[in-house]
Protein backbone atom coordinates (compact mmCIF):
# COMPACT_ATOMS: atom_id res chain seq x y z
CA MET A 1 24.41 -46.87 -28.76
CA VAL A 2 27.07 -44.74 -27.05
CA ASN A 3 27.57 -42.82 -30.30
CA ILE A 4 23.91 -41.80 -30.30
CA TYR A 5 24.31 -39.97 -26.98
CA THR A 6 27.91 -38.75 -27.20
CA GLY A 7 28.80 -35.28 -28.43
CA GLN A 8 25.24 -34.07 -29.00
CA LEU A 9 24.75 -30.38 -29.72
CA VAL A 10 21.33 -28.75 -29.69
CA LYS A 11 19.86 -25.29 -30.06
CA VAL A 12 16.61 -23.72 -28.92
CA LEU A 13 14.11 -21.84 -31.06
CA TRP A 14 12.47 -19.05 -29.07
CA TYR A 15 10.16 -16.54 -30.76
CA GLY A 16 11.73 -17.21 -34.14
CA VAL A 17 15.32 -16.81 -32.95
CA TYR A 18 17.73 -19.74 -32.57
CA SER A 19 20.16 -19.94 -29.67
CA GLN A 20 23.79 -20.88 -30.09
CA ASN A 21 24.55 -24.61 -30.06
CA PHE A 22 25.18 -26.12 -26.63
CA PRO A 23 26.06 -29.67 -25.52
CA VAL A 24 23.55 -32.12 -24.07
CA VAL A 25 25.12 -33.77 -21.04
CA ASN A 26 22.23 -35.92 -19.74
CA GLY A 27 18.78 -37.19 -20.60
CA VAL A 28 17.36 -39.20 -23.45
CA LYS A 29 16.43 -38.04 -26.93
CA GLN A 30 12.88 -36.75 -27.29
CA GLY A 31 11.04 -39.15 -29.60
CA GLY A 32 13.95 -41.60 -29.77
CA ILE A 33 12.90 -45.21 -30.21
CA LEU A 34 15.13 -46.34 -27.31
CA SER A 35 14.34 -43.39 -25.03
CA PRO A 36 11.46 -44.99 -23.06
CA VAL A 37 13.49 -48.13 -22.35
CA LEU A 38 16.60 -46.18 -21.38
CA PHE A 39 14.60 -43.95 -19.03
CA CYS A 40 13.00 -47.01 -17.39
CA VAL A 41 16.42 -48.56 -16.79
CA TYR A 42 17.66 -45.26 -15.33
CA ILE A 43 14.70 -44.64 -13.02
CA ASP A 44 14.18 -48.25 -11.94
CA GLU A 45 16.68 -47.87 -9.07
CA LEU A 46 14.53 -45.14 -7.48
CA LEU A 47 11.30 -47.10 -7.91
CA LEU A 48 12.82 -50.20 -6.31
CA ALA A 49 14.28 -48.19 -3.42
CA LEU A 50 10.89 -46.64 -2.69
CA ARG A 51 9.15 -50.02 -2.75
CA GLN A 52 11.70 -51.57 -0.38
CA THR A 53 11.23 -48.83 2.23
CA ASN A 54 7.48 -49.41 2.52
CA VAL A 55 7.21 -45.65 3.04
CA GLY A 56 4.27 -44.25 1.17
CA CYS A 57 0.68 -45.07 0.47
CA PHE A 58 -0.96 -48.47 0.29
CA MET A 59 -4.25 -49.63 -1.17
CA GLY A 60 -4.85 -52.78 0.78
CA SER A 61 -1.61 -54.71 0.38
CA TRP A 62 -0.66 -52.90 -2.86
CA PHE A 63 2.14 -50.34 -2.57
CA VAL A 64 1.26 -47.13 -4.41
CA GLY A 65 3.90 -44.83 -2.95
CA VAL A 66 5.09 -43.95 -6.43
CA LEU A 67 3.20 -43.73 -9.70
CA ALA A 68 5.29 -43.61 -12.85
CA TYR A 69 4.27 -43.24 -16.47
CA ALA A 70 6.69 -42.31 -19.24
CA ASP A 71 8.79 -39.48 -17.75
CA ASP A 72 6.25 -38.42 -15.12
CA ILE A 73 6.66 -39.57 -11.52
CA VAL A 74 4.38 -38.91 -8.58
CA LEU A 75 5.67 -39.70 -5.07
CA MET A 76 2.93 -40.21 -2.51
CA ALA A 77 3.35 -40.47 1.24
CA PRO A 78 1.34 -39.43 4.27
CA ILE A 79 4.44 -37.76 5.77
CA LEU A 80 7.25 -35.53 4.48
CA PRO A 81 10.07 -35.80 3.65
CA LEU A 82 10.62 -39.10 1.92
CA GLN A 83 14.08 -39.71 3.39
CA CYS A 84 14.98 -42.42 0.89
CA VAL A 85 14.57 -39.94 -1.97
CA GLU A 86 16.36 -36.94 -0.47
CA CYS A 87 19.88 -37.87 -1.60
CA TRP A 88 18.88 -39.78 -4.77
CA PRO A 89 18.57 -36.71 -7.03
CA CYS A 90 22.06 -35.57 -6.01
CA VAL A 91 23.55 -38.91 -6.98
CA MET A 92 21.59 -39.10 -10.23
CA THR A 93 21.92 -35.35 -11.04
CA LEU A 94 18.18 -34.69 -10.96
CA ARG A 95 16.17 -31.88 -9.47
CA LEU A 96 13.40 -32.81 -7.01
CA ILE A 97 10.36 -30.52 -7.11
CA SER A 98 7.70 -30.82 -4.42
CA THR A 99 4.19 -29.48 -4.84
C-alpha cells in the first residue's frame, strides 16, 4: 500500500493546457478503492476528540457537534472557537476554514 502513495506525480489541466508535473505529498487518491477507508482512519482522531470534549450541539442526549460524510465535515457549536480543533489542523497539516 505504501507504493501506491509514494512518489506520485500529477499535473493539472486548465483551459486545455497541462501544468508541469508536481509531487503529491498528502491526501488520498480521488476515486481510489481504499481512499474512503484511509480518510476515515485519518480523520477519526478528530471526530473522537470532538466527542470527548462534549463541546458542540446536542439533540437530546445525542452529540451532533460534528457531521461527517465522505470528505465533508461540518463542525457545529453554539460558541466559537472550538478550542479542541484549533491546533489539530497544524498537527495534521490541514487548513481550517470557518464560514
